Amino acid sequence: MPGRTVSTDIVSIGSKDALTEILREGAQQMLARAVENEVTEYLACHADQRDEEDRRLVVRNGYLPARDIQTGIGLVGVRQPRVNDKRRDEQGQRLRFTSRILPPYLRRTKSLDELIPWLYLRGISTGDFTEALEALLGPQAKGLSATNIVRLKESWQQEWKAWNQRSLQEKRYVYLWADGIHFNIRLEDPGNNKQCILVLMGATEDGRKELIAISDGYRESTQSWRELLLAVKQQGLSTDPKLATGDGALGFWAALREIYPATREQRCWVHKTANVLNKLPKSVQAKAKPMLQEIWMAETRHQADKAFDLFVRSFEAKYPKAVDCLVKDRDVLLSFYDFPAEHWVHLRTTNPIESTFATVRLRTARTKGCGSRTACLTMVFKLVQCAEKHWRRLNGAALLPEVIQGVTFIDGLKEKAA
């Protein structure tokens, strides 16, 4: 076409992805420029240091052997300038220039090192890794094999063990969330096909949510929760949290009253709603659900009590089991009214745990064949660690010091001084 020029380099790419090739070439040029600038700055910084014959102690000395760096857009080649540094430290050892951009032995970017466990934890099986990586990175995806996963799983187990023994002496958690998560993984033990992972989360004094403990439990029993809470206390968490939220069926509550007796209890409204509706006919559930919502969404405890009483009167004659399921936890379903209204959205349910484990279940549901209990536990641990980076801070975090001090809140508002 007249007036239009076409790069012969682009045409020669043929069936290759032209855009990727352009990006790779640009990345290679930028990387080379950045490394050159780094070396130039290093030389300029030490230009005044000379030997007895007035020769510079830090000079350039050609280039190191070329190497390829594996990146998200394929291999990027680079030639790094060599620096001859003749200076010595106090012990007489030669000083060496080390690039912050290209450390020695770097063969792939950090993003790719994170990609491997991310793919595995999101459901790619070990045997499918080569094909998956080639699809993402192209045929240059060498050195990223399934054997990386075997080594990673071993390192994860050691990482979980070290994390599980860390000190909590400097920690204080104002709120707790507890839940037992079941996984449908075929385990090595044929007599116990479902694994229960006990999860304990907490809100720190500045409102950040953190994973406190994660352990292998047996049917959410009191003994399993007792062991977990005792371990946490042994690690240094000695101060009783102000409030704990969890499902009413947990053995957690009996253990909590024993280990942290001053901690108040809040039943999860999501679990309670599901349990009550399961005891009602499907034809009635559409009417009952918004009535339950009217209780925990009420602006004041008085309004919640009125909505509570209305639900009882409406269903107790025909569906006593559903009403009994609700009434037996009445007090601990409404504990959140004694805490700041800004915190209610966080305290009424175990959603901080449930939302995280929705993605965890997706990964474990894809697990094929038999797995060990430890493998399942460490997989869950790594997934939760990834999710923890995105947990949002508590609303009204500035009110947490007042909660710690024992300031009285009525219907979510601080009690006015007489």
Protein backbone atom coordinates (compact mmCIF):
# COMPACT_ATOMS: atom_id res chain seq x y z
CA MET A 1 0.00 0.00 0.00
CA PRO A 2 1.52 3.37 -1.01
CA GLY A 3 2.75 5.51 1.84
CA ARG A 4 2.85 2.62 4.30
CA THR A 5 6.00 0.81 5.41
CA VAL A 6 6.04 -2.60 7.01
CA SER A 7 8.89 -3.73 9.22
CA THR A 8 10.64 -6.73 7.71
CA ASP A 9 11.29 -7.92 11.26
CA ILE A 10 7.56 -8.12 11.95
CA VAL A 11 6.85 -9.84 8.66
CA SER A 12 9.56 -12.42 9.35
CA ILE A 13 7.84 -13.42 12.53
CA GLY A 14 5.31 -15.28 10.41
CA SER A 15 2.99 -17.39 12.47
CA LYS A 16 4.49 -16.20 15.78
CA ASP A 17 2.67 -13.74 18.03
CA ALA A 18 3.99 -10.44 16.67
CA LEU A 19 2.89 -8.43 19.69
CA THR A 20 4.63 -10.79 22.11
CA GLU A 21 7.83 -10.62 20.07
CA ILE A 22 7.73 -6.82 20.14
CA LEU A 23 7.13 -6.81 23.88
CA ARG A 24 9.96 -9.28 24.45
CA GLU A 25 12.35 -7.19 22.35
CA GLY A 26 11.35 -4.06 24.23
CA ALA A 27 11.76 -5.79 27.58
CA GLN A 28 15.21 -7.00 26.58
CA GLN A 29 16.30 -3.48 25.64
CA MET A 30 14.89 -1.98 28.86
CA LEU A 31 16.56 -4.66 30.96
CA ALA A 32 19.92 -4.11 29.29
CA ARG A 33 19.60 -0.35 29.79
CA ALA A 34 18.66 -0.76 33.47
CA VAL A 35 21.61 -3.06 34.16
CA GLU A 36 24.00 -0.71 32.34
CA ASN A 37 22.75 2.23 34.42
CA GLU A 38 23.16 0.21 37.61
CA VAL A 39 26.78 -0.57 36.77
CA THR A 40 27.49 3.02 35.72
CA GLU A 41 26.15 4.32 39.05
CA TYR A 42 28.26 1.78 40.96
CA LEU A 43 31.41 2.81 39.09
CA ALA A 44 30.69 6.51 39.62
CA CYS A 45 30.09 5.98 43.33
CA HIS A 46 33.56 4.46 43.78
CA ALA A 47 35.44 6.45 41.13
CA ASP A 48 37.56 8.25 43.74
CA GLN A 49 38.95 5.05 45.26
CA ARG A 50 42.39 4.33 43.82
CA ASP A 51 45.46 2.27 44.58
CA GLU A 52 49.01 3.44 45.31
CA GLU A 53 49.67 3.88 41.58
CA ASP A 54 46.55 6.08 41.22
CA ARG A 55 44.63 3.42 39.32
CA ARG A 56 40.92 2.94 39.93
CA LEU A 57 40.01 0.05 42.18
CA VAL A 58 36.57 -0.40 40.59
CA VAL A 59 36.47 -0.71 36.81
CA ARG A 60 34.48 -2.42 34.07
CA ASN A 61 35.86 -5.63 32.64
CA GLY A 62 33.83 -6.69 29.65
CA TYR A 63 30.65 -8.77 30.04
CA LEU A 64 29.54 -11.85 31.89
CA PRO A 65 28.34 -14.79 29.77
CA ALA A 66 24.93 -14.13 28.24
CA ARG A 67 21.98 -15.80 29.91
CA ASP A 68 18.25 -16.09 29.39
CA ILE A 69 15.72 -15.05 32.03
CA GLN A 70 12.37 -16.83 32.01
CA THR A 71 9.58 -14.25 32.17
CA GLY A 72 5.85 -14.16 31.66
CA ILE A 73 6.40 -13.23 27.99
CA GLY A 74 9.01 -15.90 27.36
CA LEU A 75 12.80 -15.91 27.43
CA VAL A 76 14.53 -12.55 27.65
CA GLY A 77 18.23 -12.59 26.93
CA VAL A 78 20.67 -10.32 28.72
CA ARG A 79 24.40 -9.63 28.82
CA GLN A 80 25.44 -8.20 32.16
CA PRO A 81 28.54 -5.97 32.39
CA ARG A 82 31.34 -7.42 34.46
CA VAL A 83 32.75 -5.26 37.27
CA ASN A 84 36.26 -5.77 38.56
CA ASP A 85 36.23 -4.56 42.17
CA LYS A 86 39.69 -4.77 43.76
CA ARG A 87 38.68 -3.33 47.12
CA ARG A 88 38.79 -5.45 50.26
CA ASP A 89 36.75 -5.42 53.45
CA GLU A 90 38.08 -5.34 57.03
CA GLN A 91 38.60 -9.12 56.98
CA GLY A 92 40.63 -8.89 53.78
CA GLN A 93 37.92 -10.40 51.58
CA ARG A 94 37.43 -9.04 48.07
CA LEU A 95 34.34 -6.89 47.64
CA ARG A 96 32.06 -7.78 44.76
CA PHE A 97 29.43 -5.98 42.78
CA THR A 98 26.04 -7.71 42.98
CA SER A 99 23.23 -6.49 40.77
CA ARG A 100 19.94 -5.83 42.54
CA ILE A 101 18.14 -6.29 39.24
CA LEU A 102 19.86 -9.50 38.16
CA PRO A 103 21.17 -11.39 41.20
CA PRO A 104 23.57 -14.28 40.53
CA TYR A 105 21.92 -17.53 39.43
CA LEU A 106 18.58 -15.84 38.71
CA ARG A 107 16.92 -17.86 35.98
CA ARG A 108 13.28 -16.76 36.20
CA THR A 109 11.31 -13.83 37.53
CA LYS A 110 9.64 -13.91 40.92
CA SER A 111 6.23 -13.79 39.27
CA LEU A 112 6.94 -17.14 37.62
CA ASP A 113 8.14 -18.66 40.89
CA GLU A 114 4.78 -17.64 42.34
CA LEU A 115 2.93 -18.91 39.27
CA ILE A 116 3.94 -22.54 39.87
CA PRO A 117 2.34 -22.97 43.32
CA TRP A 118 -0.59 -20.78 42.26
CA LEU A 119 -1.40 -23.12 39.36
CA TYR A 120 -1.11 -26.17 41.57
CA LEU A 121 -3.24 -24.74 44.34
CA ARG A 122 -5.86 -23.62 41.84
CA GLY A 123 -6.35 -27.12 40.48
CA ILE A 124 -3.68 -28.03 37.90
CA SER A 125 -2.56 -31.58 38.66
CA THR A 126 1.13 -32.42 38.78
CA GLY A 127 1.00 -34.47 35.58
CA ASP A 128 -0.61 -31.64 33.60
CA PHE A 129 1.97 -29.01 34.50
CA THR A 130 4.14 -29.18 31.41
CA GLU A 131 1.18 -28.75 29.07
CA ALA A 132 -0.32 -25.95 31.18
CA LEU A 133 2.94 -23.99 31.36
CA GLU A 134 3.60 -24.33 27.64
CA ALA A 135 0.10 -23.01 26.96
CA LEU A 136 0.78 -19.99 29.15
CA LEU A 137 4.43 -19.28 28.38
CA GLY A 138 5.06 -20.98 25.07
CA PRO A 139 7.62 -23.67 24.20
CA GLN A 140 10.31 -21.70 26.06
CA ALA A 141 8.82 -22.79 29.39
CA LYS A 142 11.81 -24.93 30.24
CA GLY A 143 12.88 -25.59 33.79
CA LEU A 144 9.30 -25.33 35.06
CA SER A 145 8.43 -28.99 35.45
CA ALA A 146 6.20 -31.04 37.70
CA THR A 147 9.17 -31.90 39.88
CA ASN A 148 8.99 -28.33 41.20
CA ILE A 149 5.65 -29.20 42.78
CA VAL A 150 7.05 -32.22 44.61
CA ARG A 151 9.74 -30.05 46.17
CA LEU A 152 7.26 -27.28 46.90
CA LYS A 153 4.87 -29.59 48.73
CA GLU A 154 7.70 -30.76 50.96
CA SER A 155 8.73 -27.17 51.70
CA TRP A 156 5.10 -26.22 52.43
CA GLN A 157 4.89 -28.90 55.11
CA GLN A 158 8.00 -27.54 56.80
CA GLU A 159 6.68 -23.99 56.44
CA TRP A 160 3.36 -24.95 58.09
CA LYS A 161 5.14 -26.69 60.98
CA ALA A 162 7.33 -23.62 61.62
CA TRP A 163 4.33 -21.28 61.35
CA ASN A 164 2.33 -23.48 63.71
CA GLN A 165 5.00 -23.03 66.41
CA ARG A 166 5.51 -19.28 66.03
CA SER A 167 5.27 -16.99 69.05
CA LEU A 168 2.02 -15.09 69.65
CA GLN A 169 3.22 -13.22 72.72
CA GLU A 170 3.14 -9.87 70.95
CA LYS A 171 -0.34 -10.47 69.57
CA ARG A 172 -3.74 -9.49 70.91
CA TYR A 173 -6.92 -10.45 69.11
CA VAL A 174 -10.10 -8.53 69.90
CA TYR A 175 -12.44 -10.81 67.94
CA LEU A 176 -12.27 -14.45 66.88
CA TRP A 177 -13.96 -16.44 64.13
CA ALA A 178 -13.97 -20.25 64.33
CA ASP A 179 -15.19 -22.91 61.94
CA GLY A 180 -14.62 -26.51 60.95
CA ILE A 181 -14.25 -27.11 57.21
CA HIS A 182 -14.86 -30.55 55.71
CA PHE A 183 -13.22 -31.76 52.51
CA ASN A 184 -14.26 -34.60 50.24
CA ILE A 185 -10.78 -35.95 49.61
CA ARG A 186 -10.03 -39.67 49.49
CA LEU A 187 -7.40 -40.04 52.16
CA GLU A 188 -4.87 -42.75 52.88
CA ASP A 189 -6.96 -43.86 55.85
CA PRO A 190 -9.94 -45.72 54.32
CA GLY A 191 -11.83 -45.54 57.62
CA ASN A 192 -12.01 -41.73 57.56
CA ASN A 193 -12.85 -40.31 54.15
CA LYS A 194 -13.67 -36.76 55.18
CA GLN A 195 -11.10 -34.47 56.67
CA CYS A 196 -12.12 -31.68 59.01
CA ILE A 197 -9.81 -28.67 59.13
CA LEU A 198 -10.25 -26.48 62.22
CA VAL A 199 -9.72 -22.80 61.42
CA LEU A 200 -9.27 -19.94 63.86
CA MET A 201 -9.08 -16.34 62.63
CA GLY A 202 -8.75 -13.13 64.60
CA ALA A 203 -8.95 -9.35 64.38
CA THR A 204 -5.93 -7.51 65.75
CA GLU A 205 -5.97 -4.28 67.74
CA ASP A 206 -5.61 -2.27 64.54
CA GLY A 207 -8.44 -4.11 62.77
CA ARG A 208 -6.47 -6.46 60.54
CA LYS A 209 -7.77 -9.99 60.08
CA GLU A 210 -5.22 -12.74 60.52
CA LEU A 211 -5.12 -16.51 60.43
CA ILE A 212 -4.30 -17.61 63.98
CA ALA A 213 -4.36 -21.40 63.76
CA ILE A 214 -5.24 -24.17 61.36
CA SER A 215 -5.28 -27.77 62.47
CA ASP A 216 -6.42 -31.25 61.56
CA GLY A 217 -9.50 -32.08 63.65
CA TYR A 218 -11.84 -34.97 64.27
CA ARG A 219 -15.52 -34.15 63.62
CA GLU A 220 -15.17 -30.67 65.15
CA SER A 221 -15.07 -32.30 68.59
CA THR A 222 -14.54 -30.42 71.84
CA GLN A 223 -11.28 -32.30 72.34
CA SER A 224 -9.94 -31.23 68.95
CA TRP A 225 -10.83 -27.59 69.59
CA ARG A 226 -9.40 -27.80 73.11
CA GLU A 227 -6.08 -28.99 71.72
CA LEU A 228 -6.02 -26.16 69.18
CA LEU A 229 -6.87 -23.45 71.74
CA LEU A 230 -4.40 -24.81 74.27
CA ALA A 231 -1.68 -24.76 71.63
CA VAL A 232 -2.54 -21.15 70.79
CA LYS A 233 -2.41 -20.19 74.44
CA GLN A 234 0.90 -22.00 74.84
CA GLN A 235 2.28 -19.93 71.95
CA GLY A 236 1.61 -16.80 73.98
CA LEU A 237 -1.99 -15.71 73.29
CA SER A 238 -2.91 -15.25 76.95
CA THR A 239 -5.46 -12.39 76.80
CA ASP A 240 -9.09 -13.43 76.32
CA PRO A 241 -10.60 -12.01 73.10
CA LYS A 242 -13.75 -9.93 73.57
CA LEU A 243 -16.03 -11.90 71.26
CA ALA A 244 -15.94 -15.13 69.23
CA THR A 245 -18.22 -15.96 66.30
CA GLY A 246 -18.95 -19.50 65.17
CA ASP A 247 -21.53 -22.13 64.28
CA GLY A 248 -23.67 -23.37 67.18
CA ALA A 249 -22.87 -27.03 66.46
CA LEU A 250 -19.16 -26.66 67.13
CA GLY A 251 -17.40 -28.35 70.03
CA PHE A 252 -15.52 -25.04 69.96
CA TRP A 253 -17.80 -23.41 72.52
CA ALA A 254 -17.15 -25.87 75.33
CA ALA A 255 -13.41 -25.58 74.70
CA LEU A 256 -13.59 -21.77 74.54
CA ARG A 257 -15.37 -21.52 77.90
CA GLU A 258 -12.58 -23.60 79.40
CA ILE A 259 -9.56 -21.89 77.80
CA TYR A 260 -10.81 -18.30 77.37
CA PRO A 261 -13.74 -18.02 79.80
CA ALA A 262 -14.09 -14.22 79.53
CA THR A 263 -14.74 -14.32 75.78
CA ARG A 264 -18.37 -13.68 74.84
CA GLU A 265 -20.14 -15.84 72.27
CA GLN A 266 -21.86 -14.90 69.02
CA ARG A 267 -23.61 -17.53 66.91
CA CYS A 268 -23.26 -17.23 63.15
CA TRP A 269 -26.51 -16.08 61.54
CA VAL A 270 -25.69 -17.71 58.20
CA HIS A 271 -25.37 -21.14 59.83
CA LYS A 272 -28.39 -20.54 62.05
CA THR A 273 -30.58 -19.45 59.15
CA ALA A 274 -29.63 -22.55 57.16
CA ASN A 275 -30.28 -24.83 60.14
CA VAL A 276 -33.71 -23.32 60.84
CA LEU A 277 -34.79 -23.40 57.20
CA ASN A 278 -33.76 -27.06 56.91
CA LYS A 279 -36.39 -27.86 59.54
CA LEU A 280 -39.14 -26.14 57.55
CA PRO A 281 -40.97 -27.33 54.41
CA LYS A 282 -39.70 -25.78 51.20
CA SER A 283 -43.07 -24.13 50.68
CA VAL A 284 -42.58 -22.15 53.91
CA GLN A 285 -38.91 -21.29 53.56
CA ALA A 286 -39.52 -18.34 51.21
CA LYS A 287 -41.65 -16.71 53.92
CA ALA A 288 -39.43 -17.64 56.87
CA LYS A 289 -36.09 -16.47 55.45
CA PRO A 290 -36.89 -12.72 55.29
CA MET A 291 -38.43 -12.96 58.76
CA LEU A 292 -35.14 -14.33 60.10
CA GLN A 293 -33.30 -11.57 58.26
CA GLU A 294 -35.51 -8.99 59.98
CA ILE A 295 -34.09 -10.17 63.32
CA TRP A 296 -30.37 -9.78 62.69
CA MET A 297 -30.78 -6.72 60.48
CA ALA A 298 -32.79 -4.83 63.12
CA GLU A 299 -31.36 -1.46 64.14
CA THR A 300 -31.75 -2.12 67.88
CA ARG A 301 -31.94 -5.10 70.17
CA HIS A 302 -35.53 -4.15 71.07
CA GLN A 303 -36.55 -4.31 67.41
CA ALA A 304 -34.67 -7.60 67.04
CA ASP A 305 -36.56 -9.03 70.03
CA LYS A 306 -39.88 -8.01 68.47
CA ALA A 307 -38.95 -9.67 65.16
CA PHE A 308 -37.73 -12.72 67.08
CA ASP A 309 -41.02 -13.03 68.97
CA LEU A 310 -42.98 -12.63 65.73
CA PHE A 311 -41.10 -15.52 64.13
CA VAL A 312 -41.76 -17.71 67.18
CA ARG A 313 -45.49 -16.94 67.20
CA SER A 314 -45.74 -17.52 63.45
CA PHE A 315 -44.16 -20.99 63.36
CA GLU A 316 -44.08 -22.60 66.80
CA ALA A 317 -47.46 -24.35 66.47
CA LYS A 318 -46.74 -26.12 63.19
CA TYR A 319 -42.95 -26.27 63.16
CA PRO A 320 -41.72 -26.55 66.76
CA LYS A 321 -38.34 -28.07 65.79
CA ALA A 322 -37.47 -25.07 63.65
CA VAL A 323 -38.48 -22.68 66.42
CA ASP A 324 -36.57 -24.64 69.07
CA CYS A 325 -33.46 -24.51 66.86
CA LEU A 326 -33.70 -20.72 66.85
CA VAL A 327 -34.82 -20.09 70.44
CA LYS A 328 -32.13 -22.19 72.13
CA ASP A 329 -29.43 -19.72 71.02
CA ARG A 330 -31.44 -16.53 71.40
CA ASP A 331 -29.05 -14.67 73.70
CA VAL A 332 -25.87 -15.56 71.86
CA LEU A 333 -27.44 -14.73 68.50
CA LEU A 334 -27.84 -11.11 69.61
CA SER A 335 -24.50 -10.52 71.37
CA PHE A 336 -23.29 -8.26 68.58
CA TYR A 337 -25.62 -5.48 69.75
CA ASP A 338 -23.21 -4.85 72.64
CA PHE A 339 -20.40 -3.96 70.25
CA PRO A 340 -19.85 -1.02 67.87
CA ALA A 341 -22.37 -0.91 65.02
CA GLU A 342 -19.47 -0.53 62.56
CA HIS A 343 -18.34 -4.03 63.53
CA TRP A 344 -21.70 -5.77 63.18
CA VAL A 345 -21.18 -6.74 59.55
CA HIS A 346 -18.06 -8.64 60.62
CA LEU A 347 -19.40 -10.17 63.84
CA ARG A 348 -22.78 -11.58 62.84
CA THR A 349 -21.39 -14.36 60.67
CA THR A 350 -18.30 -16.47 60.05
CA ASN A 351 -18.15 -15.05 56.52
CA PRO A 352 -14.43 -14.14 56.88
CA ILE A 353 -13.76 -17.89 56.98
CA GLU A 354 -16.56 -19.05 54.68
CA SER A 355 -15.66 -16.71 51.81
CA THR A 356 -12.03 -17.76 51.96
CA PHE A 357 -12.78 -21.47 51.99
CA ALA A 358 -15.14 -21.26 49.05
CA THR A 359 -12.02 -21.04 46.85
CA VAL A 360 -10.17 -23.61 48.95
CA ARG A 361 -12.94 -26.14 48.33
CA LEU A 362 -12.68 -25.54 44.59
CA ARG A 363 -9.06 -26.70 44.68
CA THR A 364 -9.59 -29.70 46.94
CA ALA A 365 -12.59 -30.76 44.86
CA ARG A 366 -10.20 -31.17 41.91
CA THR A 367 -7.75 -33.33 43.82
CA LYS A 368 -7.55 -36.77 42.26
CA GLY A 369 -6.80 -40.04 43.96
CA CYS A 370 -5.76 -40.56 47.54
CA GLY A 371 -4.01 -37.89 49.53
CA SER A 372 -2.45 -37.70 52.93
CA ARG A 373 -4.02 -35.70 55.73
CA THR A 374 -0.83 -33.65 55.96
CA ALA A 375 -0.91 -32.87 52.23
CA CYS A 376 -4.49 -31.65 52.51
CA LEU A 377 -3.69 -29.55 55.58
CA THR A 378 -0.65 -27.88 54.04
CA MET A 379 -2.51 -27.22 50.79
CA VAL A 380 -5.27 -25.48 52.73
CA PHE A 381 -2.67 -23.55 54.74
CA LYS A 382 -1.01 -22.18 51.60
CA LEU A 383 -4.32 -21.24 50.02
CA VAL A 384 -5.43 -19.36 53.11
CA GLN A 385 -2.07 -17.57 53.25
CA CYS A 386 -2.66 -16.37 49.69
CA ALA A 387 -6.18 -15.23 50.57
CA GLU A 388 -5.02 -13.49 53.76
CA LYS A 389 -3.24 -10.83 51.71
CA HIS A 390 -6.62 -9.62 50.43
CA TRP A 391 -8.67 -9.72 53.63
CA ARG A 392 -10.12 -6.31 54.27
CA ARG A 393 -9.70 -4.44 57.50
CA LEU A 394 -12.55 -4.12 59.98
CA ASN A 395 -14.88 -1.17 59.54
CA GLY A 396 -14.51 1.28 62.41
CA ALA A 397 -11.09 -0.03 63.42
CA ALA A 398 -10.53 3.15 65.44
CA LEU A 399 -13.15 1.92 67.93
CA LEU A 400 -11.22 -1.25 68.83
CA PRO A 401 -9.18 0.39 71.64
CA GLU A 402 -12.48 1.34 73.33
CA VAL A 403 -13.72 -2.24 72.97
CA ILE A 404 -10.51 -3.45 74.61
CA GLN A 405 -10.94 -0.94 77.44
CA GLY A 406 -14.42 -2.28 78.14
CA VAL A 407 -16.40 0.77 77.03
CA THR A 408 -20.14 -0.03 77.06
CA PHE A 409 -21.97 -0.05 73.74
CA ILE A 410 -25.76 -0.16 73.59
CA ASP A 411 -27.33 -1.05 70.24
CA GLY A 412 -23.95 -0.38 68.65
CA LEU A 413 -23.52 3.11 70.08
CA LYS A 414 -21.21 4.15 72.89
CA GLU A 415 -23.08 4.73 76.12
CA LYS A 416 -23.34 8.40 76.95
CA ALA A 417 -21.88 9.59 80.22
CA ALA A 418 -24.46 10.46 82.87
